Protein backbone atom coordinates (compact mmCIF):
# COMPACT_ATOMS: atom_id res chain seq x y z
CA MET A 1 27.01 -14.54 -11.35
CA PRO A 2 25.59 -15.91 -8.08
CA ALA A 3 23.42 -18.98 -8.36
CA VAL A 4 19.71 -18.30 -8.71
CA PRO A 5 17.71 -19.79 -5.80
CA SER A 6 15.46 -22.65 -6.84
CA PRO A 7 11.77 -21.66 -6.85
CA ARG A 8 11.00 -25.07 -5.27
CA GLN A 9 12.94 -24.44 -2.08
CA PRO A 10 10.90 -23.70 1.08
CA ALA A 11 9.78 -20.07 1.14
CA ALA A 12 10.93 -17.88 4.03
CA ASP A 13 8.80 -15.31 5.82
CA ALA A 14 8.39 -12.34 3.47
CA ARG A 15 8.90 -9.92 6.36
CA ASP A 16 12.33 -11.43 7.03
CA TRP A 17 13.51 -10.33 3.59
CA PHE A 18 12.78 -6.69 4.38
CA LEU A 19 15.15 -6.99 7.33
CA THR A 20 18.04 -7.95 5.01
CA PRO A 21 20.30 -5.27 3.46
CA ALA A 22 18.47 -5.66 0.12
CA GLY A 23 15.07 -5.20 1.73
CA ARG A 24 16.16 -2.33 3.95
CA ALA A 25 17.49 -0.48 0.89
CA VAL A 26 13.97 -0.58 -0.57
CA LEU A 27 12.34 0.64 2.66
CA ALA A 28 14.91 3.41 3.13
CA SER A 29 14.29 4.58 -0.44
CA GLU A 30 10.61 5.02 0.49
CA ASP A 31 11.07 6.90 3.80
CA ALA A 32 10.55 10.38 2.34
CA VAL A 33 7.44 9.31 0.41
CA VAL A 34 5.96 7.62 3.50
CA ALA A 35 6.60 10.80 5.52
CA GLN A 36 4.82 12.78 2.80
CA ALA A 37 1.88 10.38 2.94
CA LEU A 38 1.47 10.76 6.70
CA CYS A 39 1.22 14.54 6.27
CA ASP A 40 -1.19 14.29 3.34
CA ARG A 41 -4.39 14.92 5.32
CA PRO A 42 -3.44 17.27 8.18
CA GLY A 43 -5.86 17.28 11.08
CA LEU A 44 -6.95 13.68 10.49
CA PRO A 45 -5.45 10.52 12.06
CA TRP A 46 -3.32 8.23 9.90
CA LEU A 47 -2.66 4.48 9.88
CA TRP A 48 0.67 3.01 8.77
CA CYS A 49 1.13 -0.74 8.26
CA GLY A 50 4.57 -1.97 7.24
CA PRO A 51 7.23 -4.64 7.80
CA ASP A 52 9.50 -2.35 9.85
CA PRO A 53 8.67 -0.08 12.82
CA GLY A 54 9.16 2.85 10.44
CA GLU A 55 10.66 5.26 12.97
CA GLU A 56 12.59 7.16 10.29
CA ALA A 57 9.57 7.56 8.04
CA THR A 58 7.11 8.50 10.80
CA GLU A 59 9.49 10.84 12.64
CA GLY A 60 8.32 13.96 10.81
CA ALA A 61 4.65 12.97 10.59
CA THR A 62 2.08 15.42 11.84
CA GLY A 63 -1.00 14.68 13.91
CA ARG A 64 -2.04 11.44 15.52
CA GLY A 65 -1.26 8.08 14.02
CA LEU A 66 -1.08 4.35 14.57
CA CYS A 67 1.75 2.05 13.41
CA LEU A 68 1.22 -1.70 12.95
CA SER A 69 3.56 -4.43 11.73
CA PRO A 70 2.65 -7.99 10.67
CA ALA A 71 3.16 -10.73 13.24
CA GLY A 72 2.21 -14.18 11.99
CA GLU A 73 -1.44 -13.96 10.92
CA GLY A 74 -2.03 -10.82 12.98
CA TRP A 75 -0.59 -7.39 13.74
CA HIS A 76 1.43 -5.89 16.55
CA GLY A 77 2.21 -2.33 17.61
CA ALA A 78 0.11 -0.03 19.76
CA VAL A 79 -2.53 -2.79 19.60
CA GLU A 80 -2.22 -6.56 19.14
CA CYS A 81 -4.94 -7.69 16.76
CA ALA A 82 -6.01 -9.59 13.66
CA LEU A 83 -8.35 -8.70 10.81
CA PRO A 84 -10.77 -7.06 10.97
CA LEU A 85 -8.81 -4.32 12.74
CA PRO A 86 -10.51 -3.10 15.95
CA LEU A 87 -10.74 0.45 14.62
CA PRO A 88 -13.82 2.58 13.84
CA SER A 89 -14.97 2.99 10.26
CA GLU A 90 -14.23 6.25 8.40
CA SER A 91 -11.81 7.47 11.06
CA PHE A 92 -8.52 7.90 9.12
CA GLY A 93 -7.56 10.47 6.52
CA THR A 94 -4.61 8.40 5.30
CA VAL A 95 -3.83 4.68 5.26
CA VAL A 96 -0.34 3.53 4.25
CA LEU A 97 0.15 -0.15 3.35
CA GLN A 98 3.88 -0.57 2.83
CA HIS A 99 4.63 -4.01 1.39
CA VAL A 100 2.02 -5.79 3.51
CA ALA A 101 -0.77 -6.20 0.93
CA ARG A 102 -0.69 -9.61 -0.73
CA PRO A 103 -2.46 -10.88 -3.86
CA ALA A 104 -4.24 -13.53 -1.80
CA GLY A 105 -4.72 -14.61 1.79
CA GLU A 106 -5.56 -12.58 4.85
CA ARG A 107 -3.44 -9.61 3.82
CA GLY A 108 -4.72 -9.55 0.26
CA PRO A 109 -8.21 -8.31 -0.65
CA ALA A 110 -9.29 -8.36 3.01
CA LEU A 111 -6.65 -5.77 3.88
CA LEU A 112 -7.73 -3.53 1.00
CA GLU A 113 -11.32 -3.83 2.20
CA GLU A 114 -10.20 -2.76 5.68
CA ALA A 115 -8.36 0.24 4.25
CA ALA A 116 -11.48 1.30 2.32
CA ARG A 117 -13.60 0.89 5.46
CA LEU A 118 -11.26 2.94 7.65
CA LEU A 119 -10.80 5.87 5.26
CA VAL A 120 -13.00 8.94 5.52
CA PRO A 121 -14.62 10.09 2.25
CA GLY A 122 -11.86 11.97 0.47
CA GLY A 123 -9.18 10.00 2.35
CA ARG A 124 -6.32 8.37 0.52
CA LEU A 125 -4.64 4.97 0.47
CA TRP A 126 -0.90 4.87 -0.27
CA LEU A 127 -0.01 1.37 -1.46
CA PHE A 128 3.68 0.41 -1.72
CA LEU A 129 4.35 -2.72 -3.77
CA LEU A 130 7.27 -4.64 -5.26
CA ASN A 131 7.73 -4.47 -9.01
CA PRO A 132 7.66 -7.93 -10.68
CA LEU A 133 9.47 -6.56 -13.76
CA ALA A 134 12.46 -5.11 -11.89
CA PRO A 135 15.87 -6.85 -12.04
CA TYR A 136 15.82 -6.49 -8.24
CA ARG A 137 13.25 -9.31 -8.13
CA TRP A 138 16.15 -11.78 -8.17
CA ARG A 139 17.07 -10.50 -4.71
CA TRP A 140 13.72 -11.51 -3.18
CA ARG A 141 13.17 -14.69 -5.18
CA GLY A 142 12.59 -17.71 -2.93
CA ASN A 143 11.59 -15.57 0.06
CA GLY A 144 7.85 -16.11 -0.02
CA ILE A 145 7.20 -12.84 -1.86
CA SER A 146 4.81 -12.45 -4.78
CA ALA A 147 4.42 -9.31 -6.85
CA SER A 148 1.89 -7.99 -9.37
CA GLU A 149 1.84 -5.15 -11.88
CA PRO A 150 -0.07 -1.87 -11.26
CA LEU A 151 -2.92 -2.85 -13.61
CA VAL A 152 -3.77 -5.85 -11.42
CA TRP A 153 -3.77 -3.77 -8.24
CA ARG A 154 -5.93 -1.05 -9.81
CA LYS A 155 -8.59 -3.69 -10.47
CA ARG A 156 -8.38 -4.84 -6.84
CA LEU A 157 -8.67 -1.27 -5.58
CA ARG A 158 -11.73 -0.57 -7.72
CA ALA A 159 -13.28 -3.81 -6.47
CA VAL A 160 -13.25 -2.47 -2.88
CA GLY A 161 -14.66 0.91 -3.90
CA LEU A 162 -11.48 3.00 -4.20
CA ALA A 163 -10.46 5.17 -7.16
CA PRO A 164 -6.77 4.56 -8.06
CA ASP A 165 -4.50 7.12 -9.69
CA PRO A 166 -3.90 6.40 -13.40
CA VAL A 167 -0.09 6.57 -13.03
CA SER A 168 2.12 4.90 -10.42
CA GLN A 169 5.54 6.04 -9.19
CA GLY A 170 8.69 3.91 -9.35
CA LEU A 171 10.73 3.80 -6.14
CA GLY A 172 13.93 2.22 -4.85
CA PRO A 173 17.00 0.72 -6.55
CA SER A 174 17.02 -1.12 -9.86
CA TRP A 175 19.70 -3.71 -9.12
CA SER A 176 22.43 -2.45 -6.76
CA ILE A 177 21.72 -2.56 -3.05
CA GLN A 178 21.64 1.17 -2.46
CA VAL A 179 19.13 3.79 -1.35
CA SER A 180 17.48 5.58 -4.29
CA PRO A 181 15.09 8.16 -2.79
CA LEU A 182 14.04 9.99 -5.96
CA PRO A 183 10.77 8.66 -7.45
CA GLN A 184 10.08 8.37 -11.16
CA GLN A 185 6.92 8.34 -13.23
CA GLY A 186 5.84 4.74 -13.76
CA PRO A 187 7.46 1.68 -12.16
CA GLY A 188 10.04 1.21 -14.92
CA LEU A 189 12.80 -1.08 -13.61
CA ARG A 190 12.70 0.22 -10.05
CA ALA A 191 12.41 -2.34 -7.26
CA ALA A 192 9.07 -0.99 -5.99
CA TYR A 193 6.28 1.36 -6.92
CA LEU A 194 3.64 3.50 -5.24
CA LEU A 195 -0.02 3.35 -6.18
CA ARG A 196 -2.41 5.83 -4.59
CA ALA A 197 -6.19 5.55 -4.42
CA GLU A 198 -8.91 7.80 -3.04
CA LYS A 199 -12.17 7.04 -1.29
CA ARG A 200 -14.75 9.16 -3.04
CA SER A 201 -18.01 10.17 -1.45
CA LEU A 202 -19.76 10.50 -4.85
CA PRO A 203 -20.21 7.70 -7.42
CA LEU A 204 -17.58 7.54 -10.17
CA THR A 205 -20.31 7.42 -12.85
CA PRO A 206 -22.67 10.40 -12.81
CA VAL A 207 -26.28 9.42 -12.29
CA ARG A 208 -28.53 10.76 -15.04
CA ARG A 209 -31.37 12.77 -13.57
CA ARG A 210 -34.83 11.86 -14.76
CA ALA A 211 -36.94 14.56 -16.37
CA LEU A 212 -39.55 15.98 -14.06
CA GLN A 213 -43.03 14.77 -15.06
CA LEU A 214 -45.77 17.30 -14.32
CA ALA A 215 -49.28 16.05 -13.75
CA PRO A 216 -51.86 17.53 -16.23
CA ALA A 217 -53.97 20.35 -14.87
CA ALA A 218 -57.43 19.31 -13.68
């Protein structure tokens, strides 16, 4: 077996890994699902943020949209910017974060907060993440990439006011570097998974209405 990279070696840019054959196999496995996401709220603009220009995934998208890719501590694409994104609140029906959300740092909770701010009520976030339990993790080890399980991300999504789906979808290969476009229920041993969350206009917990108190007749 090939030698396992030492975890103490200097970490490379995480985006660089997605430009390798192993990383591109993961992205290509997600193309159809990303295209589905960008058509999820027809008539409303969409925002896609990912490590690759995403031309294949966005080719069949309907309506208006904006693509951004990470560049250092900022973003490049149709606009060059940093967080907070120079975009109006509640203006997008769909936000896709494809392997750009991080557990900590500028693209961690701050990026989820931006997604929640930009979504219209009833809009949906599609969050693509690497699976820390997949055998494929040995292919990104030592490349500056960290991964967390769905339970952890659901807590983060609820913390910014979004309602995550109870079940995630496994995507991508398990070990071999090959495109695996068919999703499965739950992450399993797949290299990545999809977690969706909705911005609800009503509170998740129903508010109990107080009984009407009538004043006594004079």
